[in-house]
Amino acid sequence: MMPYRAIVLGGTGAVGRHVVSGLVKSQLCKDLTVIVRRQGDPQDLFGIASDKINVVVVDFDHLQQSSFDGFDVAFSCLGTTRAQAGSAAAFKKVDLDYTVESARLLKEAGTQQMLAVTAANANASSWFLYPQTKGLAEQKLAELNFQRLVILRPMMLVRDISARFVEKVGLALIPESFQVHVRQVADAMIKVAEQYQGAPQVGVPAVEFISHSDIRTM
């Protein structure tokens, strides 16, 4: 892949922080913009400081096209939980509305490659909030017709040592094969992005899904 300009959505989250760190270290990523909701020092926001990082503060309820112009590759790590969001509607606003509207603006601006993290159980037809929302996000992202859309579907995310105690207790009850560290997801996103060779070849789908097991072995 040629050197590229990248934009990260959700760069302060568990996966996003590692994506930002990985792109700072990447020799192919020549320019890095991170969209955030609040101003702050890059070291505090992303766990890494670099002159390569351009922080852009936005209001996700009133996004401007100018914030999304000029990027080759987009990494979407936006996501929350119902508990963190405070309600089902607030959860869907982040995981569905913000994700899709940001992607729409990127597509309008000419971004060719979009990578997004959803979930292994994503299913737009599900009766349950989380998989349904993730599945709807996948559908709407696909409808935007990026030149290349890559959707990563991890199962149980293992966060850094600062993760909440209740999550650690829960992970102890889940088979290790169902778990994947957030850093592995971020590394997989960057690796897949940088393997891209341009327009899709015959027989290669414009939408690619990276399974949990594939993420673990990349």
N, C-alpha and C. Protein backbone atom coordinates (compact mmCIF):
# COMPACT_ATOMS: atom_id res chain seq x y z
N MET A 1 0.83 -1.20 0.00
CA MET A 1 0.00 0.00 0.00
C MET A 1 0.87 1.25 0.00
N MET A 2 0.41 2.28 -0.69
CA MET A 2 1.11 3.56 -0.71
C MET A 2 0.89 4.28 0.62
N PRO A 3 1.74 5.26 0.93
CA PRO A 3 1.51 6.06 2.13
C PRO A 3 0.11 6.66 2.12
N TYR A 4 -0.51 6.73 3.29
CA TYR A 4 -1.91 7.15 3.34
C TYR A 4 -2.19 8.12 4.49
N ARG A 5 -3.31 8.80 4.35
CA ARG A 5 -3.81 9.71 5.38
C ARG A 5 -4.96 9.01 6.10
N ALA A 6 -4.88 8.95 7.41
CA ALA A 6 -5.86 8.19 8.19
C ALA A 6 -6.66 9.08 9.12
N ILE A 7 -7.89 8.65 9.37
CA ILE A 7 -8.74 9.29 10.36
C ILE A 7 -9.27 8.21 11.29
N VAL A 8 -9.30 8.48 12.58
CA VAL A 8 -9.78 7.53 13.58
C VAL A 8 -10.97 8.12 14.30
N LEU A 9 -12.04 7.34 14.36
CA LEU A 9 -13.24 7.70 15.13
C LEU A 9 -13.27 6.82 16.36
N GLY A 10 -13.50 7.40 17.52
CA GLY A 10 -13.48 6.62 18.75
C GLY A 10 -12.07 6.34 19.24
N GLY A 11 -11.18 7.27 18.99
CA GLY A 11 -9.77 7.07 19.34
C GLY A 11 -9.46 7.06 20.82
N THR A 12 -10.40 7.48 21.65
CA THR A 12 -10.16 7.47 23.10
C THR A 12 -10.69 6.20 23.75
N GLY A 13 -11.31 5.32 22.97
CA GLY A 13 -11.86 4.08 23.51
C GLY A 13 -10.82 2.98 23.63
N ALA A 14 -11.25 1.83 24.10
CA ALA A 14 -10.34 0.72 24.37
C ALA A 14 -9.60 0.26 23.12
N VAL A 15 -10.31 0.06 22.03
CA VAL A 15 -9.66 -0.34 20.77
C VAL A 15 -9.02 0.87 20.11
N GLY A 16 -9.73 1.98 20.09
CA GLY A 16 -9.26 3.16 19.39
C GLY A 16 -7.91 3.68 19.85
N ARG A 17 -7.65 3.63 21.15
CA ARG A 17 -6.35 4.08 21.66
C ARG A 17 -5.21 3.28 21.06
N HIS A 18 -5.43 1.98 20.89
CA HIS A 18 -4.39 1.14 20.30
C HIS A 18 -4.27 1.37 18.80
N VAL A 19 -5.37 1.71 18.15
CA VAL A 19 -5.30 2.06 16.73
C VAL A 19 -4.46 3.32 16.55
N VAL A 20 -4.72 4.32 17.37
CA VAL A 20 -3.95 5.56 17.30
C VAL A 20 -2.47 5.28 17.53
N SER A 21 -2.16 4.50 18.56
CA SER A 21 -0.77 4.16 18.86
C SER A 21 -0.11 3.44 17.69
N GLY A 22 -0.84 2.49 17.11
CA GLY A 22 -0.29 1.73 16.00
C GLY A 22 -0.06 2.58 14.77
N LEU A 23 -0.95 3.52 14.50
CA LEU A 23 -0.80 4.39 13.34
C LEU A 23 0.33 5.39 13.53
N VAL A 24 0.54 5.82 14.76
CA VAL A 24 1.68 6.70 15.03
C VAL A 24 2.98 5.99 14.67
N LYS A 25 3.05 4.70 14.96
CA LYS A 25 4.26 3.92 14.70
C LYS A 25 4.37 3.44 13.26
N SER A 26 3.27 3.47 12.53
CA SER A 26 3.27 2.97 11.16
C SER A 26 4.07 3.89 10.24
N GLN A 27 4.91 3.29 9.40
CA GLN A 27 5.68 4.07 8.44
C GLN A 27 4.86 4.43 7.21
N LEU A 28 3.74 3.75 7.02
CA LEU A 28 2.89 4.03 5.87
C LEU A 28 1.87 5.14 6.14
N CYS A 29 1.47 5.28 7.38
CA CYS A 29 0.52 6.33 7.74
C CYS A 29 1.28 7.65 7.85
N LYS A 30 1.06 8.52 6.88
CA LYS A 30 1.82 9.77 6.83
C LYS A 30 1.12 10.92 7.54
N ASP A 31 -0.17 10.77 7.78
CA ASP A 31 -0.94 11.83 8.41
C ASP A 31 -2.07 11.20 9.21
N LEU A 32 -2.25 11.63 10.45
CA LEU A 32 -3.22 10.99 11.34
C LEU A 32 -4.10 12.03 12.03
N THR A 33 -5.39 11.94 11.78
CA THR A 33 -6.37 12.80 12.44
C THR A 33 -7.26 11.95 13.32
N VAL A 34 -7.50 12.40 14.54
CA VAL A 34 -8.36 11.68 15.47
C VAL A 34 -9.53 12.59 15.84
N ILE A 35 -10.74 12.10 15.60
CA ILE A 35 -11.95 12.85 15.92
C ILE A 35 -12.35 12.55 17.37
N VAL A 36 -12.51 13.59 18.16
CA VAL A 36 -12.86 13.43 19.57
C VAL A 36 -14.00 14.38 19.94
N ARG A 37 -14.59 14.15 21.11
CA ARG A 37 -15.67 15.01 21.59
C ARG A 37 -15.19 16.05 22.58
N ARG A 38 -13.97 15.90 23.07
CA ARG A 38 -13.45 16.88 24.03
C ARG A 38 -11.97 17.10 23.79
N GLN A 39 -11.53 18.31 24.01
CA GLN A 39 -10.13 18.64 23.83
C GLN A 39 -9.31 18.04 24.96
N GLY A 40 -8.08 17.72 24.68
CA GLY A 40 -7.21 17.17 25.71
C GLY A 40 -5.83 16.90 25.17
N ASP A 41 -4.93 16.62 26.06
CA ASP A 41 -3.56 16.28 25.69
C ASP A 41 -3.54 14.89 25.07
N PRO A 42 -2.87 14.70 23.93
CA PRO A 42 -2.83 13.38 23.29
C PRO A 42 -2.37 12.26 24.21
N GLN A 43 -1.44 12.55 25.10
CA GLN A 43 -0.96 11.53 26.03
C GLN A 43 -2.10 11.05 26.93
N ASP A 44 -2.93 11.97 27.37
CA ASP A 44 -4.06 11.61 28.22
C ASP A 44 -5.18 10.96 27.42
N LEU A 45 -5.42 11.45 26.22
CA LEU A 45 -6.53 10.93 25.41
C LEU A 45 -6.24 9.56 24.83
N PHE A 46 -5.01 9.38 24.32
CA PHE A 46 -4.69 8.17 23.56
C PHE A 46 -3.58 7.32 24.16
N GLY A 47 -2.96 7.82 25.21
CA GLY A 47 -1.86 7.07 25.80
C GLY A 47 -0.56 7.22 25.05
N ILE A 48 -0.50 8.16 24.10
CA ILE A 48 0.72 8.38 23.33
C ILE A 48 0.73 9.82 22.83
N ALA A 49 1.89 10.43 22.82
CA ALA A 49 2.03 11.80 22.33
C ALA A 49 2.88 11.79 21.07
N SER A 50 2.46 12.52 20.06
CA SER A 50 3.21 12.56 18.81
C SER A 50 2.78 13.77 17.99
N ASP A 51 3.76 14.37 17.31
CA ASP A 51 3.45 15.49 16.42
C ASP A 51 2.63 15.02 15.22
N LYS A 52 2.59 13.72 15.02
CA LYS A 52 1.85 13.14 13.89
C LYS A 52 0.34 13.23 14.11
N ILE A 53 -0.08 13.35 15.36
CA ILE A 53 -1.51 13.33 15.69
C ILE A 53 -2.13 14.72 15.57
N ASN A 54 -3.19 14.79 14.80
CA ASN A 54 -3.99 16.00 14.68
C ASN A 54 -5.34 15.74 15.34
N VAL A 55 -5.60 16.39 16.45
CA VAL A 55 -6.85 16.18 17.19
C VAL A 55 -7.90 17.17 16.71
N VAL A 56 -9.05 16.65 16.32
CA VAL A 56 -10.16 17.50 15.87
C VAL A 56 -11.36 17.26 16.79
N VAL A 57 -11.80 18.31 17.44
CA VAL A 57 -12.94 18.21 18.36
C VAL A 57 -14.23 18.50 17.59
N VAL A 58 -15.21 17.61 17.72
CA VAL A 58 -16.48 17.78 17.01
C VAL A 58 -17.66 17.58 17.96
N ASP A 59 -18.80 18.05 17.51
CA ASP A 59 -20.08 17.76 18.16
C ASP A 59 -20.74 16.71 17.28
N PHE A 60 -20.82 15.47 17.75
CA PHE A 60 -21.35 14.40 16.91
C PHE A 60 -22.82 14.59 16.55
N ASP A 61 -23.51 15.46 17.26
CA ASP A 61 -24.89 15.75 16.91
C ASP A 61 -25.00 16.79 15.80
N HIS A 62 -23.90 17.44 15.50
CA HIS A 62 -23.88 18.47 14.45
C HIS A 62 -22.56 18.38 13.69
N LEU A 63 -22.34 17.29 13.00
CA LEU A 63 -21.08 17.07 12.30
C LEU A 63 -20.98 17.96 11.06
N GLN A 64 -19.75 18.39 10.77
CA GLN A 64 -19.48 19.23 9.62
C GLN A 64 -18.65 18.46 8.59
N GLN A 65 -19.00 18.61 7.33
CA GLN A 65 -18.28 17.91 6.27
C GLN A 65 -16.79 18.19 6.30
N SER A 66 -16.42 19.42 6.62
CA SER A 66 -15.01 19.82 6.60
C SER A 66 -14.13 18.99 7.53
N SER A 67 -14.72 18.42 8.57
CA SER A 67 -13.94 17.61 9.51
C SER A 67 -13.55 16.26 8.92
N PHE A 68 -14.16 15.88 7.81
CA PHE A 68 -13.97 14.55 7.25
C PHE A 68 -13.36 14.55 5.85
N ASP A 69 -12.85 15.68 5.43
CA ASP A 69 -12.28 15.80 4.09
C ASP A 69 -10.80 15.40 4.07
N GLY A 70 -10.40 14.70 3.01
CA GLY A 70 -8.98 14.49 2.74
C GLY A 70 -8.34 13.25 3.31
N PHE A 71 -9.10 12.17 3.51
CA PHE A 71 -8.54 10.96 4.10
C PHE A 71 -8.66 9.76 3.15
N ASP A 72 -7.65 8.92 3.19
CA ASP A 72 -7.64 7.71 2.37
C ASP A 72 -8.28 6.53 3.10
N VAL A 73 -8.00 6.44 4.40
CA VAL A 73 -8.45 5.30 5.20
C VAL A 73 -9.11 5.81 6.49
N ALA A 74 -10.25 5.19 6.83
CA ALA A 74 -10.95 5.55 8.07
C ALA A 74 -11.04 4.33 8.97
N PHE A 75 -10.77 4.54 10.24
CA PHE A 75 -10.87 3.49 11.25
C PHE A 75 -11.96 3.89 12.24
N SER A 76 -13.06 3.15 12.25
CA SER A 76 -14.17 3.47 13.15
C SER A 76 -14.18 2.53 14.34
N CYS A 77 -13.93 3.09 15.51
CA CYS A 77 -13.93 2.33 16.76
C CYS A 77 -14.98 2.90 17.72
N LEU A 78 -15.93 3.62 17.18
CA LEU A 78 -16.98 4.19 18.02
C LEU A 78 -17.81 3.10 18.67
N GLY A 79 -18.11 3.27 19.92
CA GLY A 79 -18.93 2.27 20.60
C GLY A 79 -19.02 2.55 22.09
N THR A 80 -20.11 2.13 22.67
CA THR A 80 -20.31 2.28 24.11
C THR A 80 -21.12 1.08 24.59
N THR A 81 -21.65 1.16 25.77
CA THR A 81 -22.56 0.14 26.29
C THR A 81 -23.84 0.84 26.73
N ARG A 82 -24.89 0.06 26.90
CA ARG A 82 -26.14 0.66 27.35
C ARG A 82 -25.96 1.28 28.73
N ALA A 83 -25.20 0.61 29.58
CA ALA A 83 -24.97 1.12 30.93
C ALA A 83 -24.23 2.45 30.90
N GLN A 84 -23.19 2.53 30.07
CA GLN A 84 -22.42 3.77 29.97
C GLN A 84 -23.23 4.88 29.33
N ALA A 85 -24.02 4.53 28.32
CA ALA A 85 -24.81 5.54 27.61
C ALA A 85 -25.97 6.05 28.44
N GLY A 86 -26.53 5.18 29.29
CA GLY A 86 -27.63 5.59 30.15
C GLY A 86 -29.00 5.18 29.69
N SER A 87 -29.12 4.81 28.41
CA SER A 87 -30.41 4.37 27.89
C SER A 87 -30.19 3.66 26.56
N ALA A 88 -31.20 2.92 26.11
CA ALA A 88 -31.11 2.24 24.83
C ALA A 88 -30.98 3.24 23.69
N ALA A 89 -31.73 4.33 23.78
CA ALA A 89 -31.69 5.35 22.73
C ALA A 89 -30.32 6.00 22.63
N ALA A 90 -29.72 6.29 23.78
CA ALA A 90 -28.39 6.91 23.79
C ALA A 90 -27.34 5.94 23.26
N PHE A 91 -27.49 4.66 23.59
CA PHE A 91 -26.58 3.64 23.07
C PHE A 91 -26.65 3.59 21.55
N LYS A 92 -27.85 3.55 20.99
CA LYS A 92 -28.01 3.48 19.54
C LYS A 92 -27.50 4.74 18.86
N LYS A 93 -27.60 5.86 19.54
CA LYS A 93 -27.12 7.11 18.95
C LYS A 93 -25.62 7.02 18.66
N VAL A 94 -24.86 6.45 19.60
CA VAL A 94 -23.41 6.33 19.42
C VAL A 94 -23.06 5.21 18.44
N ASP A 95 -23.55 4.01 18.73
CA ASP A 95 -23.13 2.84 17.97
C ASP A 95 -23.73 2.75 16.57
N LEU A 96 -24.84 3.44 16.36
CA LEU A 96 -25.47 3.41 15.04
C LEU A 96 -25.43 4.79 14.37
N ASP A 97 -26.08 5.76 14.96
CA ASP A 97 -26.22 7.06 14.31
C ASP A 97 -24.89 7.77 14.09
N TYR A 98 -24.08 7.90 15.15
CA TYR A 98 -22.80 8.58 15.00
C TYR A 98 -21.88 7.83 14.04
N THR A 99 -21.88 6.51 14.14
CA THR A 99 -21.02 5.69 13.28
C THR A 99 -21.39 5.87 11.82
N VAL A 100 -22.66 5.76 11.51
CA VAL A 100 -23.11 5.82 10.12
C VAL A 100 -23.00 7.23 9.54
N GLU A 101 -23.36 8.24 10.32
CA GLU A 101 -23.27 9.61 9.81
C GLU A 101 -21.82 10.00 9.55
N SER A 102 -20.91 9.61 10.43
CA SER A 102 -19.49 9.88 10.20
C SER A 102 -19.02 9.20 8.92
N ALA A 103 -19.43 7.95 8.74
CA ALA A 103 -19.04 7.20 7.55
C ALA A 103 -19.62 7.84 6.29
N ARG A 104 -20.85 8.31 6.37
CA ARG A 104 -21.47 8.96 5.20
C ARG A 104 -20.67 10.19 4.77
N LEU A 105 -20.26 10.99 5.73
CA LEU A 105 -19.47 12.18 5.41
C LEU A 105 -18.11 11.81 4.83
N LEU A 106 -17.52 10.74 5.33
CA LEU A 106 -16.25 10.28 4.79
C LEU A 106 -16.41 9.80 3.35
N LYS A 107 -17.47 9.06 3.09
CA LYS A 107 -17.73 8.60 1.72
C LYS A 107 -17.96 9.78 0.79
N GLU A 108 -18.72 10.77 1.24
CA GLU A 108 -18.96 11.97 0.44
C GLU A 108 -17.64 12.68 0.12
N ALA A 109 -16.69 12.61 1.05
CA ALA A 109 -15.41 13.29 0.87
C ALA A 109 -14.43 12.49 0.02
N GLY A 110 -14.78 11.25 -0.31
CA GLY A 110 -13.92 10.47 -1.18
C GLY A 110 -13.03 9.45 -0.50
N THR A 111 -13.23 9.21 0.79
CA THR A 111 -12.46 8.16 1.47
C THR A 111 -12.76 6.82 0.81
N GLN A 112 -11.71 6.07 0.46
CA GLN A 112 -11.88 4.83 -0.28
C GLN A 112 -12.04 3.61 0.62
N GLN A 113 -11.34 3.62 1.73
CA GLN A 113 -11.29 2.42 2.57
C GLN A 113 -11.81 2.72 3.98
N MET A 114 -12.77 1.91 4.42
CA MET A 114 -13.38 2.09 5.74
C MET A 114 -13.26 0.80 6.52
N LEU A 115 -12.76 0.87 7.74
CA LEU A 115 -12.67 -0.28 8.63
C LEU A 115 -13.45 0.02 9.89
N ALA A 116 -14.27 -0.92 10.33
CA ALA A 116 -15.12 -0.70 11.50
C ALA A 116 -15.16 -1.93 12.38
N VAL A 117 -15.25 -1.70 13.68
CA VAL A 117 -15.38 -2.79 14.66
C VAL A 117 -16.85 -2.91 15.05
N THR A 118 -17.41 -4.12 14.92
CA THR A 118 -18.78 -4.35 15.38
C THR A 118 -18.74 -5.45 16.45
N ALA A 119 -19.35 -6.59 16.18
CA ALA A 119 -19.37 -7.67 17.16
C ALA A 119 -19.66 -8.99 16.47
N ALA A 120 -19.19 -10.07 17.07
CA ALA A 120 -19.37 -11.40 16.48
C ALA A 120 -20.83 -11.77 16.34
N ASN A 121 -21.68 -11.26 17.23
CA ASN A 121 -23.10 -11.61 17.20
C ASN A 121 -23.96 -10.55 16.52
N ALA A 122 -23.34 -9.69 15.73
CA ALA A 122 -24.10 -8.64 15.03
C ALA A 122 -25.18 -9.25 14.16
N ASN A 123 -26.40 -8.76 14.33
CA ASN A 123 -27.54 -9.32 13.60
C ASN A 123 -28.68 -8.30 13.61
N ALA A 124 -28.92 -7.69 12.46
CA ALA A 124 -29.93 -6.65 12.37
C ALA A 124 -31.33 -7.15 12.71
N SER A 125 -31.54 -8.46 12.61
CA SER A 125 -32.87 -9.03 12.88
C SER A 125 -33.04 -9.50 14.33
N SER A 126 -32.00 -9.32 15.13
CA SER A 126 -32.06 -9.78 16.52
C SER A 126 -33.09 -8.99 17.32
N TRP A 127 -33.67 -9.65 18.32
CA TRP A 127 -34.59 -8.99 19.24
C TRP A 127 -33.83 -8.21 20.32
N PHE A 128 -32.53 -8.47 20.43
CA PHE A 128 -31.74 -7.88 21.50
C PHE A 128 -31.02 -6.62 21.02
N LEU A 129 -30.93 -5.64 21.90
CA LEU A 129 -30.43 -4.32 21.54
C LEU A 129 -29.03 -4.34 20.95
N TYR A 130 -28.08 -4.97 21.64
CA TYR A 130 -26.68 -4.89 21.22
C TYR A 130 -26.45 -5.51 19.85
N PRO A 131 -26.77 -6.79 19.64
CA PRO A 131 -26.53 -7.37 18.32
C PRO A 131 -27.34 -6.71 17.22
N GLN A 132 -28.56 -6.29 17.53
CA GLN A 132 -29.39 -5.63 16.52
C GLN A 132 -28.75 -4.32 16.07
N THR A 133 -28.29 -3.52 17.03
CA THR A 133 -27.67 -2.23 16.71
C THR A 133 -26.41 -2.42 15.89
N LYS A 134 -25.58 -3.38 16.28
CA LYS A 134 -24.36 -3.65 15.53
C LYS A 134 -24.68 -4.13 14.12
N GLY A 135 -25.69 -4.98 14.00
CA GLY A 135 -26.08 -5.48 12.69
C GLY A 135 -26.62 -4.39 11.79
N LEU A 136 -27.42 -3.50 12.35
CA LEU A 136 -27.94 -2.37 11.57
C LEU A 136 -26.81 -1.46 11.11
N ALA A 137 -25.82 -1.25 11.98
CA ALA A 137 -24.67 -0.43 11.60
C ALA A 137 -23.94 -1.06 10.42
N GLU A 138 -23.76 -2.38 10.46
CA GLU A 138 -23.11 -3.07 9.35
C GLU A 138 -23.88 -2.87 8.05
N GLN A 139 -25.19 -3.03 8.11
CA GLN A 139 -26.03 -2.87 6.92
C GLN A 139 -25.91 -1.47 6.33
N LYS A 140 -26.01 -0.48 7.18
CA LYS A 140 -25.99 0.90 6.70
C LYS A 140 -24.61 1.30 6.20
N LEU A 141 -23.56 0.77 6.79
CA LEU A 141 -22.21 1.02 6.29
C LEU A 141 -22.05 0.41 4.90
N ALA A 142 -22.55 -0.80 4.72
CA ALA A 142 -22.46 -1.46 3.42
C ALA A 142 -23.21 -0.69 2.35
N GLU A 143 -24.33 -0.10 2.72
CA GLU A 143 -25.15 0.66 1.76
C GLU A 143 -24.45 1.92 1.25
N LEU A 144 -23.42 2.36 1.95
CA LEU A 144 -22.69 3.55 1.52
C LEU A 144 -21.76 3.27 0.35
N ASN A 145 -21.49 1.99 0.10
CA ASN A 145 -20.69 1.57 -1.07
C ASN A 145 -19.29 2.17 -1.11
N PHE A 146 -18.57 2.01 -0.01
CA PHE A 146 -17.14 2.35 -0.03
C PHE A 146 -16.44 1.44 -1.04
N GLN A 147 -15.33 1.92 -1.57
CA GLN A 147 -14.55 1.07 -2.46
C GLN A 147 -14.15 -0.21 -1.73
N ARG A 148 -13.86 -0.07 -0.45
CA ARG A 148 -13.58 -1.24 0.38
C ARG A 148 -14.08 -0.98 1.80
N LEU A 149 -14.88 -1.89 2.30
CA LEU A 149 -15.37 -1.84 3.68
C LEU A 149 -14.95 -3.12 4.37
N VAL A 150 -14.26 -2.97 5.49
CA VAL A 150 -13.82 -4.12 6.28
C VAL A 150 -14.48 -4.04 7.65
N ILE A 151 -15.18 -5.09 8.03
CA ILE A 151 -15.87 -5.14 9.32
C ILE A 151 -15.24 -6.22 10.18
N LEU A 152 -14.73 -5.83 11.32
CA LEU A 152 -14.12 -6.78 12.25
C LEU A 152 -15.14 -7.14 13.32
N ARG A 153 -15.27 -8.45 13.58
CA ARG A 153 -16.30 -8.95 14.48
C ARG A 153 -15.69 -9.72 15.66
N PRO A 154 -15.13 -9.02 16.63
CA PRO A 154 -14.59 -9.71 17.81
C PRO A 154 -15.70 -10.19 18.74
N MET A 155 -15.37 -11.15 19.59
CA MET A 155 -16.30 -11.61 20.62
C MET A 155 -16.07 -10.79 21.89
N MET A 156 -15.53 -11.39 22.92
CA MET A 156 -15.33 -10.69 24.19
C MET A 156 -14.01 -9.92 24.18
N LEU A 157 -14.09 -8.61 24.31
CA LEU A 157 -12.90 -7.78 24.30
C LEU A 157 -12.23 -7.77 25.67
N VAL A 158 -10.93 -7.98 25.67
CA VAL A 158 -10.13 -7.90 26.89
C VAL A 158 -9.44 -6.55 26.88
N ARG A 159 -9.72 -5.75 27.87
CA ARG A 159 -9.17 -4.40 27.93
C ARG A 159 -7.83 -4.39 28.66
N ASP A 160 -7.23 -3.22 28.74
CA ASP A 160 -5.96 -3.06 29.44
C ASP A 160 -6.16 -3.23 30.94
N ILE A 161 -5.08 -3.15 31.69
CA ILE A 161 -5.12 -3.44 33.12
C ILE A 161 -6.02 -2.48 33.89
N SER A 162 -6.38 -1.36 33.26
CA SER A 162 -7.25 -0.40 33.93
C SER A 162 -8.73 -0.77 33.81
N ALA A 163 -9.02 -1.91 33.18
CA ALA A 163 -10.42 -2.33 32.99
C ALA A 163 -11.12 -2.49 34.33
N ARG A 164 -12.43 -2.34 34.28
CA ARG A 164 -13.23 -2.42 35.50
C ARG A 164 -13.15 -3.82 36.13
N PHE A 165 -13.22 -3.85 37.45
CA PHE A 165 -13.11 -5.11 38.19
C PHE A 165 -14.18 -6.10 37.76
N VAL A 166 -15.40 -5.62 37.54
CA VAL A 166 -16.49 -6.52 37.18
C VAL A 166 -16.21 -7.22 35.85
N GLU A 167 -15.52 -6.54 34.93
CA GLU A 167 -15.18 -7.16 33.65
C GLU A 167 -14.16 -8.28 33.86
N LYS A 168 -13.21 -8.05 34.76
CA LYS A 168 -12.19 -9.07 35.02
C LYS A 168 -12.82 -10.33 35.60
N VAL A 169 -13.78 -10.14 36.49
CA VAL A 169 -14.48 -11.28 37.06
C VAL A 169 -15.23 -12.03 35.98
N GLY A 170 -15.90 -11.29 35.10
CA GLY A 170 -16.65 -11.92 34.02
C GLY A 170 -15.76 -12.69 33.07
N LEU A 171 -14.60 -12.13 32.74
CA LEU A 171 -13.68 -12.79 31.82
C LEU A 171 -13.16 -14.11 32.38
N ALA A 172 -13.05 -14.18 33.70
CA ALA A 172 -12.56 -15.41 34.32
C ALA A 172 -13.51 -16.57 34.09
N LEU A 173 -14.76 -16.26 33.77
CA LEU A 173 -15.77 -17.30 33.55
C LEU A 173 -15.94 -17.65 32.08
N ILE A 174 -15.23 -16.95 31.21
CA ILE A 174 -15.39 -17.14 29.76
C ILE A 174 -14.17 -17.85 29.20
N PRO A 175 -14.35 -18.87 28.35
CA PRO A 175 -13.21 -19.57 27.75
C PRO A 175 -12.27 -18.59 27.05
N GLU A 176 -10.99 -18.86 27.16
CA GLU A 176 -9.99 -17.97 26.59
C GLU A 176 -10.15 -17.82 25.09
N SER A 177 -10.62 -18.86 24.42
CA SER A 177 -10.78 -18.80 22.97
C SER A 177 -11.86 -17.81 22.54
N PHE A 178 -12.73 -17.41 23.47
CA PHE A 178 -13.78 -16.44 23.16
C PHE A 178 -13.30 -15.01 23.38
N GLN A 179 -12.08 -14.85 23.88
CA GLN A 179 -11.57 -13.54 24.24
C GLN A 179 -10.53 -13.06 23.22
N VAL A 180 -10.43 -11.76 23.09
CA VAL A 180 -9.38 -11.17 22.27
C VAL A 180 -9.03 -9.81 22.87
N HIS A 181 -7.74 -9.54 22.96
CA HIS A 181 -7.31 -8.27 23.56
C HIS A 181 -7.57 -7.13 22.58
N VAL A 182 -7.93 -5.98 23.13
CA VAL A 182 -8.23 -4.82 22.29
C VAL A 182 -7.04 -4.45 21.40
N ARG A 183 -5.84 -4.69 21.87
CA ARG A 183 -4.65 -4.40 21.06
C ARG A 183 -4.60 -5.29 19.82
N GLN A 184 -5.02 -6.55 19.95
CA GLN A 184 -5.06 -7.45 18.81
C GLN A 184 -6.05 -6.97 17.76
N VAL A 185 -7.18 -6.46 18.21
CA VAL A 185 -8.18 -5.94 17.27
C VAL A 185 -7.60 -4.74 16.52
N ALA A 186 -6.96 -3.85 17.24
CA ALA A 186 -6.36 -2.66 16.62
C ALA A 186 -5.27 -3.05 15.63
N ASP A 187 -4.42 -3.98 16.04
CA ASP A 187 -3.35 -4.42 15.15
C ASP A 187 -3.91 -5.05 13.88
N ALA A 188 -4.99 -5.82 14.03
CA ALA A 188 -5.62 -6.46 12.88
C ALA A 188 -6.19 -5.41 11.93
N MET A 189 -6.81 -4.38 12.47
CA MET A 189 -7.36 -3.31 11.64
C MET A 189 -6.27 -2.67 10.78
N ILE A 190 -5.17 -2.34 11.41
CA ILE A 190 -4.09 -1.66 10.69
C ILE A 190 -3.46 -2.60 9.67
N LYS A 191 -3.25 -3.85 10.05
CA LYS A 191 -2.64 -4.81 9.14
C LYS A 191 -3.50 -5.00 7.90
N VAL A 192 -4.79 -5.19 8.09
CA VAL A 192 -5.70 -5.39 6.97
C VAL A 192 -5.74 -4.14 6.08
N ALA A 193 -5.76 -2.98 6.70
CA ALA A 193 -5.79 -1.73 5.93
C ALA A 193 -4.55 -1.59 5.06
N GLU A 194 -3.40 -1.90 5.62
CA GLU A 194 -2.15 -1.68 4.90
C GLU A 194 -1.83 -2.78 3.90
N GLN A 195 -2.62 -3.84 3.88
CA GLN A 195 -2.47 -4.88 2.87
C GLN A 195 -3.24 -4.55 1.60
N TYR A 196 -4.04 -3.53 1.64
CA TYR A 196 -4.92 -3.18 0.52
C TYR A 196 -4.11 -2.71 -0.68
N GLN A 197 -4.47 -3.21 -1.84
CA GLN A 197 -3.73 -2.90 -3.05
C GLN A 197 -4.54 -2.07 -4.05
N GLY A 198 -5.63 -1.47 -3.61
CA GLY A 198 -6.41 -0.64 -4.52
C GLY A 198 -7.78 -1.21 -4.78
N ALA A 199 -8.32 -0.93 -5.96
CA ALA A 199 -9.67 -1.37 -6.32
C ALA A 199 -9.78 -2.88 -6.20
N PRO A 200 -10.94 -3.39 -5.74
CA PRO A 200 -11.11 -4.83 -5.54
C PRO A 200 -10.96 -5.63 -6.82
N GLN A 201 -10.35 -6.80 -6.71
CA GLN A 201 -10.19 -7.69 -7.85
C GLN A 201 -11.48 -8.46 -8.09
N VAL A 202 -11.58 -9.07 -9.25
CA VAL A 202 -12.75 -9.87 -9.58
C VAL A 202 -12.89 -11.01 -8.57
N GLY A 203 -14.07 -11.16 -8.01
CA GLY A 203 -14.30 -12.23 -7.05
C GLY A 203 -14.02 -11.85 -5.61
N VAL A 204 -13.46 -10.66 -5.40
CA VAL A 204 -13.18 -10.20 -4.04
C VAL A 204 -14.28 -9.22 -3.63
N PRO A 205 -15.03 -9.51 -2.58
CA PRO A 205 -16.15 -8.65 -2.20
C PRO A 205 -15.69 -7.28 -1.73
N ALA A 206 -16.50 -6.27 -2.02
CA ALA A 206 -16.19 -4.92 -1.56
C ALA A 206 -16.34 -4.81 -0.05
N VAL A 207 -17.17 -5.69 0.53
CA VAL A 207 -17.34 -5.75 1.98
C VAL A 207 -16.70 -7.04 2.49
N GLU A 208 -15.75 -6.90 3.39
CA GLU A 208 -15.04 -8.05 3.94
C GLU A 208 -15.31 -8.14 5.44
N PHE A 209 -15.50 -9.35 5.92
CA PHE A 209 -15.72 -9.58 7.34
C PHE A 209 -14.51 -10.33 7.92
N ILE A 210 -13.98 -9.81 9.01
CA ILE A 210 -12.87 -10.45 9.71
C ILE A 210 -13.43 -11.05 10.99
N SER A 211 -13.41 -12.36 11.07
CA SER A 211 -14.02 -13.05 12.21
C SER A 211 -13.16 -12.96 13.47
N HIS A 212 -13.77 -13.32 14.57
CA HIS A 212 -13.07 -13.35 15.86
C HIS A 212 -11.82 -14.23 15.78
N SER A 213 -11.97 -15.42 15.23
CA SER A 213 -10.83 -16.34 15.16
C SER A 213 -9.73 -15.80 14.26
N ASP A 214 -10.10 -15.12 13.19
CA ASP A 214 -9.10 -14.53 12.30
C ASP A 214 -8.36 -13.39 13.00
N ILE A 215 -9.09 -12.59 13.76
CA ILE A 215 -8.44 -11.51 14.50
C ILE A 215 -7.40 -12.07 15.46
N ARG A 216 -7.73 -13.15 16.14
CA ARG A 216 -6.83 -13.75 17.12
C ARG A 216 -5.56 -14.31 16.50
N THR A 217 -5.61 -14.70 15.24
CA THR A 217 -4.46 -15.35 14.61
C THR A 217 -3.67 -14.42 13.69
N MET A 218 -4.10 -13.18 13.55
CA MET A 218 -3.40 -12.27 12.63
C MET A 218 -2.11 -11.73 13.26
